[in-house]
Amino acid sequence: LFGYILTLTSFYSRHYLQKMHISIADGFKANVLCILELVGLRFILMFV
């Protein structure tokens, strides 16, 4: 949960400060992918 919050904080902070619009669909996608990255991709890249 800690990693999830930090990743989303970084994502939204950067786009807010760059004045880039994030749609509701993209926001939802970012939230879901944070979880997939933490429990899936991270372990694959750890093995690599």
All heavy atoms as atom14 arrays in JSON, in Angstrom:
{
  "sequence": "LFGYILTLTSFYSRHYLQKMHISIADGFKANVLCILELVGLRFILMFV",
  "atom14_mask": [
    [1, 1, 1, 1, 1, 1, 1, 1, 0, 0, 0, 0, 0, 0],
    [1, 1, 1, 1, 1, 1, 1, 1, 1, 1, 1, 0, 0, 0],
    [1, 1, 1, 1, 0, 0, 0, 0, 0, 0, 0, 0, 0, 0],
    [1, 1, 1, 1, 1, 1, 1, 1, 1, 1, 1, 1, 0, 0],
    [1, 1, 1, 1, 1, 1, 1, 1, 0, 0, 0, 0, 0, 0],
    [1, 1, 1, 1, 1, 1, 1, 1, 0, 0, 0, 0, 0, 0],
    [1, 1, 1, 1, 1, 1, 1, 0, 0, 0, 0, 0, 0, 0],
    [1, 1, 1, 1, 1, 1, 1, 1, 0, 0, 0, 0, 0, 0],
    [1, 1, 1, 1, 1, 1, 1, 0, 0, 0, 0, 0, 0, 0],
    [1, 1, 1, 1, 1, 1, 0, 0, 0, 0, 0, 0, 0, 0],
    [1, 1, 1, 1, 1, 1, 1, 1, 1, 1, 1, 0, 0, 0],
    [1, 1, 1, 1, 1, 1, 1, 1, 1, 1, 1, 1, 0, 0],
    [1, 1, 1, 1, 1, 1, 0, 0, 0, 0, 0, 0, 0, 0],
    [1, 1, 1, 1, 1, 1, 1, 1, 1, 1, 1, 0, 0, 0],
    [1, 1, 1, 1, 1, 1, 1, 1, 1, 1, 0, 0, 0, 0],
    [1, 1, 1, 1, 1, 1, 1, 1, 1, 1, 1, 1, 0, 0],
    [1, 1, 1, 1, 1, 1, 1, 1, 0, 0, 0, 0, 0, 0],
    [1, 1, 1, 1, 1, 1, 1, 1, 1, 0, 0, 0, 0, 0],
    [1, 1, 1, 1, 1, 1, 1, 1, 1, 0, 0, 0, 0, 0],
    [1, 1, 1, 1, 1, 1, 1, 1, 0, 0, 0, 0, 0, 0],
    [1, 1, 1, 1, 1, 1, 1, 1, 1, 1, 0, 0, 0, 0],
    [1, 1, 1, 1, 1, 1, 1, 1, 0, 0, 0, 0, 0, 0],
    [1, 1, 1, 1, 1, 1, 0, 0, 0, 0, 0, 0, 0, 0],
    [1, 1, 1, 1, 1, 1, 1, 1, 0, 0, 0, 0, 0, 0],
    [1, 1, 1, 1, 1, 0, 0, 0, 0, 0, 0, 0, 0, 0],
    [1, 1, 1, 1, 1, 1, 1, 1, 0, 0, 0, 0, 0, 0],
    [1, 1, 1, 1, 0, 0, 0, 0, 0, 0, 0, 0, 0, 0],
    [1, 1, 1, 1, 1, 1, 1, 1, 1, 1, 1, 0, 0, 0],
    [1, 1, 1, 1, 1, 1, 1, 1, 1, 0, 0, 0, 0, 0],
    [1, 1, 1, 1, 1, 0, 0, 0, 0, 0, 0, 0, 0, 0],
    [1, 1, 1, 1, 1, 1, 1, 1, 0, 0, 0, 0, 0, 0],
    [1, 1, 1, 1, 1, 1, 1, 0, 0, 0, 0, 0, 0, 0],
    [1, 1, 1, 1, 1, 1, 1, 1, 0, 0, 0, 0, 0, 0],
    [1, 1, 1, 1, 1, 1, 0, 0, 0, 0, 0, 0, 0, 0],
    [1, 1, 1, 1, 1, 1, 1, 1, 0, 0, 0, 0, 0, 0],
    [1, 1, 1, 1, 1, 1, 1, 1, 0, 0, 0, 0, 0, 0],
    [1, 1, 1, 1, 1, 1, 1, 1, 1, 0, 0, 0, 0, 0],
    [1, 1, 1, 1, 1, 1, 1, 1, 0, 0, 0, 0, 0, 0],
    [1, 1, 1, 1, 1, 1, 1, 0, 0, 0, 0, 0, 0, 0],
    [1, 1, 1, 1, 0, 0, 0, 0, 0, 0, 0, 0, 0, 0],
    [1, 1, 1, 1, 1, 1, 1, 1, 0, 0, 0, 0, 0, 0],
    [1, 1, 1, 1, 1, 1, 1, 1, 1, 1, 1, 0, 0, 0],
    [1, 1, 1, 1, 1, 1, 1, 1, 1, 1, 1, 0, 0, 0],
    [1, 1, 1, 1, 1, 1, 1, 1, 0, 0, 0, 0, 0, 0],
    [1, 1, 1, 1, 1, 1, 1, 1, 0, 0, 0, 0, 0, 0],
    [1, 1, 1, 1, 1, 1, 1, 1, 0, 0, 0, 0, 0, 0],
    [1, 1, 1, 1, 1, 1, 1, 1, 1, 1, 1, 0, 0, 0],
    [1, 1, 1, 1, 1, 1, 1, 0, 0, 0, 0, 0, 0, 0]
  ],
  "atom14_positions": [
    [[0.83, -1.2, 0.0], [0.0, 0.0, 0.0], [0.87, 1.25, 0.0], [0.57, 2.24, -0.68], [-0.91, -0.01, 1.23], [-1.91, 1.16, 1.35], [-2.89, 1.13, 0.19], [-2.66, 1.07, 2.68], [0.0, 0.0, 0.0], [0.0, 0.0, 0.0], [0.0, 0.0, 0.0], [0.0, 0.0, 0.0], [0.0, 0.0, 0.0], [0.0, 0.0, 0.0]],
    [[1.95, 1.19, 0.74], [2.89, 2.29, 0.8], [3.46, 2.59, -0.59], [3.49, 3.74, -1.06], [4.02, 1.89, 1.76], [4.91, 3.02, 2.18], [4.48, 3.98, 3.07], [6.2, 3.12, 1.68], [5.31, 5.02, 3.47], [7.03, 4.15, 2.07], [6.58, 5.1, 2.97], [0.0, 0.0, 0.0], [0.0, 0.0, 0.0], [0.0, 0.0, 0.0]],
    [[3.93, 1.54, -1.29], [4.46, 1.71, -2.63], [3.41, 2.19, -3.61], [3.69, 3.02, -4.49], [0.0, 0.0, 0.0], [0.0, 0.0, 0.0], [0.0, 0.0, 0.0], [0.0, 0.0, 0.0], [0.0, 0.0, 0.0], [0.0, 0.0, 0.0], [0.0, 0.0, 0.0], [0.0, 0.0, 0.0], [0.0, 0.0, 0.0], [0.0, 0.0, 0.0]],
    [[2.19, 1.71, -3.46], [1.06, 2.11, -4.31], [0.8, 3.61, -4.18], [0.66, 4.33, -5.18], [-0.16, 1.3, -3.89], [-1.48, 1.74, -4.45], [-1.87, 1.38, -5.73], [-2.37, 2.49, -3.67], [-3.1, 1.77, -6.24], [-3.59, 2.88, -4.16], [-3.96, 2.53, -5.45], [-5.17, 2.92, -5.94], [0.0, 0.0, 0.0], [0.0, 0.0, 0.0]],
    [[0.76, 4.11, -2.95], [0.49, 5.53, -2.71], [1.62, 6.4, -3.26], [1.38, 7.44, -3.89], [0.28, 5.79, -1.21], [-1.01, 5.1, -0.73], [0.22, 7.28, -0.91], [-1.2, 5.15, 0.77], [0.0, 0.0, 0.0], [0.0, 0.0, 0.0], [0.0, 0.0, 0.0], [0.0, 0.0, 0.0], [0.0, 0.0, 0.0], [0.0, 0.0, 0.0]],
    [[2.86, 5.99, -3.05], [4.01, 6.77, -3.52], [4.05, 6.85, -5.05], [4.33, 7.9, -5.62], [5.31, 6.17, -2.99], [5.59, 6.37, -1.51], [6.89, 5.69, -1.12], [5.66, 7.85, -1.15], [0.0, 0.0, 0.0], [0.0, 0.0, 0.0], [0.0, 0.0, 0.0], [0.0, 0.0, 0.0], [0.0, 0.0, 0.0], [0.0, 0.0, 0.0]],
    [[3.75, 5.74, -5.72], [3.75, 5.73, -7.18], [2.68, 6.65, -7.73], [2.93, 7.45, -8.65], [3.54, 4.3, -7.71], [4.59, 3.45, -7.23], [3.55, 4.27, -9.23], [0.0, 0.0, 0.0], [0.0, 0.0, 0.0], [0.0, 0.0, 0.0], [0.0, 0.0, 0.0], [0.0, 0.0, 0.0], [0.0, 0.0, 0.0], [0.0, 0.0, 0.0]],
    [[1.48, 6.57, -7.16], [0.4, 7.44, -7.63], [0.69, 8.9, -7.31], [0.37, 9.8, -8.1], [-0.93, 7.02, -6.99], [-1.58, 5.77, -7.56], [-2.91, 5.51, -6.86], [-1.81, 5.9, -9.06], [0.0, 0.0, 0.0], [0.0, 0.0, 0.0], [0.0, 0.0, 0.0], [0.0, 0.0, 0.0], [0.0, 0.0, 0.0], [0.0, 0.0, 0.0]],
    [[1.29, 9.17, -6.15], [1.65, 10.54, -5.79], [2.62, 11.12, -6.81], [2.46, 12.27, -7.26], [2.3, 10.58, -4.39], [1.37, 10.08, -3.43], [2.69, 12.01, -4.03], [0.0, 0.0, 0.0], [0.0, 0.0, 0.0], [0.0, 0.0, 0.0], [0.0, 0.0, 0.0], [0.0, 0.0, 0.0], [0.0, 0.0, 0.0], [0.0, 0.0, 0.0]],
    [[3.61, 10.35, -7.21], [4.58, 10.79, -8.21], [3.89, 11.05, -9.54], [4.13, 12.07, -10.19], [5.67, 9.73, -8.4], [6.33, 9.46, -7.2], [0.0, 0.0, 0.0], [0.0, 0.0, 0.0], [0.0, 0.0, 0.0], [0.0, 0.0, 0.0], [0.0, 0.0, 0.0], [0.0, 0.0, 0.0], [0.0, 0.0, 0.0], [0.0, 0.0, 0.0]],
    [[3.03, 10.14, -9.95], [2.34, 10.25, -11.24], [1.46, 11.48, -11.3], [1.56, 12.29, -12.23], [1.5, 8.99, -11.46], [0.64, 9.03, -12.69], [1.21, 8.9, -13.95], [-0.73, 9.18, -12.59], [0.41, 8.93, -15.09], [-1.53, 9.22, -13.72], [-0.96, 9.08, -14.98], [0.0, 0.0, 0.0], [0.0, 0.0, 0.0], [0.0, 0.0, 0.0]],
    [[0.62, 11.68, -10.28], [-0.3, 12.83, -10.3], [0.42, 14.15, -10.08], [0.05, 15.18, -10.66], [-1.4, 12.64, -9.24], [-2.45, 11.63, -9.63], [-2.6, 10.44, -8.92], [-3.28, 11.86, -10.72], [-3.55, 9.5, -9.28], [-4.25, 10.92, -11.09], [-4.38, 9.76, -10.37], [-5.33, 8.83, -10.73], [0.0, 0.0, 0.0], [0.0, 0.0, 0.0]],
    [[1.47, 14.14, -9.25], [2.22, 15.37, -9.01], [2.86, 15.89, -10.28], [2.77, 17.07, -10.62], [3.31, 15.14, -7.95], [2.76, 14.83, -6.71], [0.0, 0.0, 0.0], [0.0, 0.0, 0.0], [0.0, 0.0, 0.0], [0.0, 0.0, 0.0], [0.0, 0.0, 0.0], [0.0, 0.0, 0.0], [0.0, 0.0, 0.0], [0.0, 0.0, 0.0]],
    [[3.53, 15.0, -11.01], [4.2, 15.39, -12.24], [3.22, 15.93, -13.27], [3.44, 16.96, -13.88], [4.99, 14.2, -12.79], [5.44, 14.33, -14.23], [6.34, 15.52, -14.48], [7.62, 15.42, -13.82], [8.61, 16.3, -14.0], [8.43, 17.34, -14.78], [9.75, 16.17, -13.36], [0.0, 0.0, 0.0], [0.0, 0.0, 0.0], [0.0, 0.0, 0.0]],
    [[2.1, 15.24, -13.47], [1.15, 15.67, -14.48], [0.41, 16.94, -14.07], [0.09, 17.78, -14.91], [0.16, 14.54, -14.79], [0.77, 13.44, -15.6], [1.61, 12.49, -15.06], [0.69, 13.15, -16.93], [2.0, 11.65, -16.01], [1.47, 12.04, -17.14], [0.0, 0.0, 0.0], [0.0, 0.0, 0.0], [0.0, 0.0, 0.0], [0.0, 0.0, 0.0]],
    [[0.16, 17.1, -12.78], [-0.47, 18.33, -12.3], [0.45, 19.53, -12.53], [0.03, 20.57, -13.03], [-0.82, 18.2, -10.82], [-1.24, 19.51, -10.18], [-2.5, 20.05, -10.41], [-0.36, 20.2, -9.35], [-2.87, 21.26, -9.84], [-0.72, 21.4, -8.77], [-1.98, 21.93, -9.02], [-2.34, 23.13, -8.45], [0.0, 0.0, 0.0], [0.0, 0.0, 0.0]],
    [[1.73, 19.37, -12.17], [2.67, 20.47, -12.3], [2.99, 20.78, -13.76], [3.38, 21.89, -14.1], [3.95, 20.15, -11.52], [3.77, 20.1, -10.0], [5.0, 19.52, -9.32], [3.46, 21.49, -9.44], [0.0, 0.0, 0.0], [0.0, 0.0, 0.0], [0.0, 0.0, 0.0], [0.0, 0.0, 0.0], [0.0, 0.0, 0.0], [0.0, 0.0, 0.0]],
    [[2.83, 19.8, -14.64], [3.02, 20.03, -16.07], [1.74, 20.49, -16.74], [1.73, 20.73, -17.95], [3.5, 18.74, -16.75], [4.95, 18.39, -16.46], [5.36, 17.12, -17.17], [4.55, 16.23, -17.42], [6.62, 17.04, -17.5], [0.0, 0.0, 0.0], [0.0, 0.0, 0.0], [0.0, 0.0, 0.0], [0.0, 0.0, 0.0], [0.0, 0.0, 0.0]],
    [[0.67, 20.62, -15.97], [-0.63, 21.05, -16.48], [-1.14, 20.13, -17.59], [-1.69, 20.58, -18.6], [-0.56, 22.5, -16.98], [-0.17, 23.49, -15.89], [-0.06, 24.91, -16.43], [0.35, 25.87, -15.32], [0.49, 27.26, -15.81], [0.0, 0.0, 0.0], [0.0, 0.0, 0.0], [0.0, 0.0, 0.0], [0.0, 0.0, 0.0], [0.0, 0.0, 0.0]],
    [[-0.93, 18.83, -17.41], [-1.41, 17.84, -18.37], [-2.69, 17.21, -17.84], [-2.73, 16.74, -16.7], [-0.33, 16.78, -18.6], [0.89, 17.31, -19.33], [2.25, 16.12, -19.39], [1.49, 14.77, -20.28], [0.0, 0.0, 0.0], [0.0, 0.0, 0.0], [0.0, 0.0, 0.0], [0.0, 0.0, 0.0], [0.0, 0.0, 0.0], [0.0, 0.0, 0.0]],
    [[-3.72, 17.23, -18.66], [-5.02, 16.71, -18.24], [-5.0, 15.19, -18.19], [-4.5, 14.53, -19.1], [-6.1, 17.17, -19.23], [-7.45, 16.56, -18.96], [-8.22, 16.9, -17.87], [-8.14, 15.61, -19.64], [-9.33, 16.2, -17.89], [-9.32, 15.41, -18.96], [0.0, 0.0, 0.0], [0.0, 0.0, 0.0], [0.0, 0.0, 0.0], [0.0, 0.0, 0.0]],
    [[-5.52, 14.64, -17.1], [-5.65, 13.2, -16.96], [-7.14, 12.86, -16.91], [-7.86, 13.34, -16.04], [-4.96, 12.69, -15.68], [-3.48, 13.05, -15.7], [-5.13, 11.18, -15.53], [-2.76, 12.7, -14.42], [0.0, 0.0, 0.0], [0.0, 0.0, 0.0], [0.0, 0.0, 0.0], [0.0, 0.0, 0.0], [0.0, 0.0, 0.0], [0.0, 0.0, 0.0]],
    [[-7.59, 12.05, -17.85], [-9.0, 11.68, -17.89], [-9.34, 10.73, -16.74], [-8.45, 10.13, -16.12], [-9.33, 11.0, -19.23], [-8.67, 9.76, -19.31], [0.0, 0.0, 0.0], [0.0, 0.0, 0.0], [0.0, 0.0, 0.0], [0.0, 0.0, 0.0], [0.0, 0.0, 0.0], [0.0, 0.0, 0.0], [0.0, 0.0, 0.0], [0.0, 0.0, 0.0]],
    [[-10.64, 10.61, -16.47], [-11.09, 9.69, -15.41], [-10.67, 8.26, -15.74], [-10.23, 7.5, -14.87], [-12.61, 9.78, -15.23], [-13.0, 11.18, -14.73], [-13.11, 8.7, -14.27], [-14.48, 11.4, -14.63], [0.0, 0.0, 0.0], [0.0, 0.0, 0.0], [0.0, 0.0, 0.0], [0.0, 0.0, 0.0], [0.0, 0.0, 0.0], [0.0, 0.0, 0.0]],
    [[-10.79, 7.9, -17.02], [-10.41, 6.54, -17.45], [-8.93, 6.29, -17.22], [-8.53, 5.22, -16.75], [-10.76, 6.34, -18.92], [0.0, 0.0, 0.0], [0.0, 0.0, 0.0], [0.0, 0.0, 0.0], [0.0, 0.0, 0.0], [0.0, 0.0, 0.0], [0.0, 0.0, 0.0], [0.0, 0.0, 0.0], [0.0, 0.0, 0.0], [0.0, 0.0, 0.0]],
    [[-8.09, 7.3, -17.55], [-6.64, 7.14, -17.35], [-6.3, 7.09, -15.87], [-5.38, 6.36, -15.45], [-5.89, 8.28, -18.03], [-5.72, 8.06, -19.53], [-5.91, 6.93, -19.98], [-5.42, 9.04, -20.24], [0.0, 0.0, 0.0], [0.0, 0.0, 0.0], [0.0, 0.0, 0.0], [0.0, 0.0, 0.0], [0.0, 0.0, 0.0], [0.0, 0.0, 0.0]],
    [[-7.01, 7.87, -15.06], [-6.79, 7.84, -13.62], [-7.11, 6.47, -13.04], [-6.36, 5.93, -12.21], [0.0, 0.0, 0.0], [0.0, 0.0, 0.0], [0.0, 0.0, 0.0], [0.0, 0.0, 0.0], [0.0, 0.0, 0.0], [0.0, 0.0, 0.0], [0.0, 0.0, 0.0], [0.0, 0.0, 0.0], [0.0, 0.0, 0.0], [0.0, 0.0, 0.0]],
    [[-8.23, 5.9, -13.49], [-8.62, 4.55, -13.04], [-7.58, 3.53, -13.49], [-7.19, 2.64, -12.72], [-9.99, 4.2, -13.59], [-10.45, 2.8, -13.25], [-10.92, 2.5, -11.99], [-10.38, 1.79, -14.2], [-11.33, 1.22, -11.65], [-10.78, 0.51, -13.89], [-11.26, 0.22, -12.61], [0.0, 0.0, 0.0], [0.0, 0.0, 0.0], [0.0, 0.0, 0.0]],
    [[-7.13, 3.67, -14.73], [-6.13, 2.74, -15.28], [-4.84, 2.81, -14.49], [-4.22, 1.78, -14.2], [-5.88, 3.07, -16.75], [-5.04, 2.04, -17.5], [-4.99, 2.37, -18.98], [-4.24, 1.29, -19.76], [-4.21, 1.6, -21.22], [0.0, 0.0, 0.0], [0.0, 0.0, 0.0], [0.0, 0.0, 0.0], [0.0, 0.0, 0.0], [0.0, 0.0, 0.0]],
    [[-4.42, 4.03, -14.12], [-3.19, 4.2, -13.35], [-3.3, 3.51, -12.0], [-2.34, 2.87, -11.53], [-2.89, 5.69, -13.17], [0.0, 0.0, 0.0], [0.0, 0.0, 0.0], [0.0, 0.0, 0.0], [0.0, 0.0, 0.0], [0.0, 0.0, 0.0], [0.0, 0.0, 0.0], [0.0, 0.0, 0.0], [0.0, 0.0, 0.0], [0.0, 0.0, 0.0]],
    [[-4.46, 3.61, -11.35], [-4.66, 2.98, -10.05], [-4.57, 1.46, -10.15], [-3.92, 0.81, -9.32], [-6.03, 3.36, -9.49], [-6.01, 4.72, -8.81], [-5.82, 4.83, -7.61], [-6.2, 5.78, -9.59], [0.0, 0.0, 0.0], [0.0, 0.0, 0.0], [0.0, 0.0, 0.0], [0.0, 0.0, 0.0], [0.0, 0.0, 0.0], [0.0, 0.0, 0.0]],
    [[-5.18, 0.89, -11.18], [-5.16, -0.57, -11.35], [-3.75, -1.05, -11.69], [-3.26, -2.05, -11.14], [-6.15, -1.0, -12.44], [-6.0, -2.49, -12.73], [-7.58, -0.68, -12.03], [0.0, 0.0, 0.0], [0.0, 0.0, 0.0], [0.0, 0.0, 0.0], [0.0, 0.0, 0.0], [0.0, 0.0, 0.0], [0.0, 0.0, 0.0], [0.0, 0.0, 0.0]],
    [[-3.08, -0.3, -12.57], [-1.75, -0.73, -13.02], [-0.7, -0.62, -11.92], [0.3, -1.33, -11.95], [-1.33, 0.09, -14.24], [-2.09, -0.22, -15.53], [-1.61, 0.66, -16.67], [-1.92, -1.69, -15.92], [0.0, 0.0, 0.0], [0.0, 0.0, 0.0], [0.0, 0.0, 0.0], [0.0, 0.0, 0.0], [0.0, 0.0, 0.0], [0.0, 0.0, 0.0]],
    [[-0.93, 0.28, -10.97], [-0.02, 0.36, -9.82], [0.03, -0.98, -9.09], [1.1, -1.44, -8.69], [-0.5, 1.44, -8.85], [0.32, 3.01, -9.08], [0.0, 0.0, 0.0], [0.0, 0.0, 0.0], [0.0, 0.0, 0.0], [0.0, 0.0, 0.0], [0.0, 0.0, 0.0], [0.0, 0.0, 0.0], [0.0, 0.0, 0.0], [0.0, 0.0, 0.0]],
    [[-1.13, -1.59, -8.94], [-1.21, -2.88, -8.25], [-0.54, -3.97, -9.08], [0.24, -4.78, -8.57], [-2.69, -3.24, -7.96], [-3.33, -2.16, -7.09], [-2.79, -4.61, -7.29], [-4.82, -2.32, -6.91], [0.0, 0.0, 0.0], [0.0, 0.0, 0.0], [0.0, 0.0, 0.0], [0.0, 0.0, 0.0], [0.0, 0.0, 0.0], [0.0, 0.0, 0.0]],
    [[-0.82, -3.98, -10.4], [-0.22, -4.98, -11.28], [1.3, -4.86, -11.32], [2.02, -5.86, -11.37], [-0.79, -4.85, -12.7], [-2.25, -5.24, -12.89], [-2.66, -5.0, -14.34], [-2.47, -6.69, -12.51], [0.0, 0.0, 0.0], [0.0, 0.0, 0.0], [0.0, 0.0, 0.0], [0.0, 0.0, 0.0], [0.0, 0.0, 0.0], [0.0, 0.0, 0.0]],
    [[1.77, -3.63, -11.29], [3.21, -3.41, -11.32], [3.87, -3.91, -10.04], [4.95, -4.51, -10.06], [3.5, -1.91, -11.52], [4.94, -1.58, -11.89], [5.81, -1.29, -10.68], [5.26, -0.9, -9.64], [7.04, -1.48, -10.79], [0.0, 0.0, 0.0], [0.0, 0.0, 0.0], [0.0, 0.0, 0.0], [0.0, 0.0, 0.0], [0.0, 0.0, 0.0]],
    [[3.2, -3.71, -8.92], [3.75, -4.11, -7.62], [3.79, -5.63, -7.45], [4.77, -6.17, -6.95], [2.92, -3.5, -6.49], [3.19, -2.02, -6.16], [2.12, -1.49, -5.24], [4.56, -1.87, -5.52], [0.0, 0.0, 0.0], [0.0, 0.0, 0.0], [0.0, 0.0, 0.0], [0.0, 0.0, 0.0], [0.0, 0.0, 0.0], [0.0, 0.0, 0.0]],
    [[2.72, -6.31, -7.89], [2.62, -7.75, -7.62], [2.98, -8.61, -8.83], [3.06, -9.83, -8.72], [1.18, -8.12, -7.16], [0.82, -7.36, -5.91], [0.16, -7.85, -8.26], [0.0, 0.0, 0.0], [0.0, 0.0, 0.0], [0.0, 0.0, 0.0], [0.0, 0.0, 0.0], [0.0, 0.0, 0.0], [0.0, 0.0, 0.0], [0.0, 0.0, 0.0]],
    [[3.22, -8.0, -9.99], [3.52, -8.78, -11.19], [4.83, -8.4, -11.84], [5.83, -9.13, -11.76], [0.0, 0.0, 0.0], [0.0, 0.0, 0.0], [0.0, 0.0, 0.0], [0.0, 0.0, 0.0], [0.0, 0.0, 0.0], [0.0, 0.0, 0.0], [0.0, 0.0, 0.0], [0.0, 0.0, 0.0], [0.0, 0.0, 0.0], [0.0, 0.0, 0.0]],
    [[4.86, -7.24, -12.48], [6.02, -6.84, -13.27], [7.28, -6.73, -12.42], [8.38, -7.1, -12.86], [5.74, -5.5, -13.96], [6.84, -4.97, -14.87], [7.09, -5.92, -16.03], [6.49, -3.57, -15.38], [0.0, 0.0, 0.0], [0.0, 0.0, 0.0], [0.0, 0.0, 0.0], [0.0, 0.0, 0.0], [0.0, 0.0, 0.0], [0.0, 0.0, 0.0]],
    [[7.14, -6.24, -11.2], [8.31, -6.05, -10.34], [9.02, -7.37, -10.07], [10.25, -7.43, -10.05], [7.9, -5.38, -9.03], [9.06, -5.03, -8.13], [8.64, -4.08, -7.04], [8.15, -2.81, -7.56], [7.86, -1.76, -6.8], [8.02, -1.83, -5.49], [7.4, -0.65, -7.34], [0.0, 0.0, 0.0], [0.0, 0.0, 0.0], [0.0, 0.0, 0.0]],
    [[8.25, -8.46, -9.89], [8.87, -9.75, -9.62], [9.52, -10.33, -10.87], [10.56, -11.0, -10.8], [7.82, -10.73, -9.06], [7.46, -10.45, -7.64], [6.33, -9.72, -7.32], [8.28, -10.9, -6.6], [6.0, -9.44, -6.0], [7.95, -10.63, -5.27], [6.81, -9.9, -4.97], [0.0, 0.0, 0.0], [0.0, 0.0, 0.0], [0.0, 0.0, 0.0]],
    [[8.92, -10.07, -12.03], [9.53, -10.54, -13.29], [10.86, -9.84, -13.51], [11.87, -10.49, -13.84], [8.57, -10.26, -14.48], [7.3, -11.09, -14.35], [9.27, -10.55, -15.81], [6.24, -10.76, -15.38], [0.0, 0.0, 0.0], [0.0, 0.0, 0.0], [0.0, 0.0, 0.0], [0.0, 0.0, 0.0], [0.0, 0.0, 0.0], [0.0, 0.0, 0.0]],
    [[10.89, -8.53, -13.32], [12.13, -7.78, -13.53], [13.17, -8.1, -12.46], [14.37, -8.02, -12.71], [11.84, -6.28, -13.57], [10.95, -5.82, -14.74], [10.76, -4.31, -14.7], [11.56, -6.24, -16.08], [0.0, 0.0, 0.0], [0.0, 0.0, 0.0], [0.0, 0.0, 0.0], [0.0, 0.0, 0.0], [0.0, 0.0, 0.0], [0.0, 0.0, 0.0]],
    [[12.71, -8.46, -11.27], [13.64, -8.89, -10.22], [14.4, -10.14, -10.69], [15.62, -10.24, -10.54], [12.89, -9.21, -8.92], [13.8, -9.69, -7.8], [12.9, -10.5, -6.44], [12.49, -12.09, -7.19], [0.0, 0.0, 0.0], [0.0, 0.0, 0.0], [0.0, 0.0, 0.0], [0.0, 0.0, 0.0], [0.0, 0.0, 0.0], [0.0, 0.0, 0.0]],
    [[13.69, -11.08, -11.29], [14.33, -12.3, -11.78], [15.27, -11.99, -12.94], [16.37, -12.56, -13.03], [13.26, -13.31, -12.22], [13.84, -14.6, -12.74], [14.37, -15.53, -11.86], [13.85, -14.86, -14.1], [14.91, -16.72, -12.34], [14.4, -16.04, -14.58], [14.92, -16.98, -13.7], [0.0, 0.0, 0.0], [0.0, 0.0, 0.0], [0.0, 0.0, 0.0]],
    [[14.87, -11.08, -13.83], [15.72, -10.69, -14.96], [17.03, -10.11, -14.47], [18.12, -10.45, -14.95], [14.99, -9.66, -15.86], [15.94, -9.05, -16.87], [13.82, -10.33, -16.58], [0.0, 0.0, 0.0], [0.0, 0.0, 0.0], [0.0, 0.0, 0.0], [0.0, 0.0, 0.0], [0.0, 0.0, 0.0], [0.0, 0.0, 0.0], [0.0, 0.0, 0.0]]
  ]
}
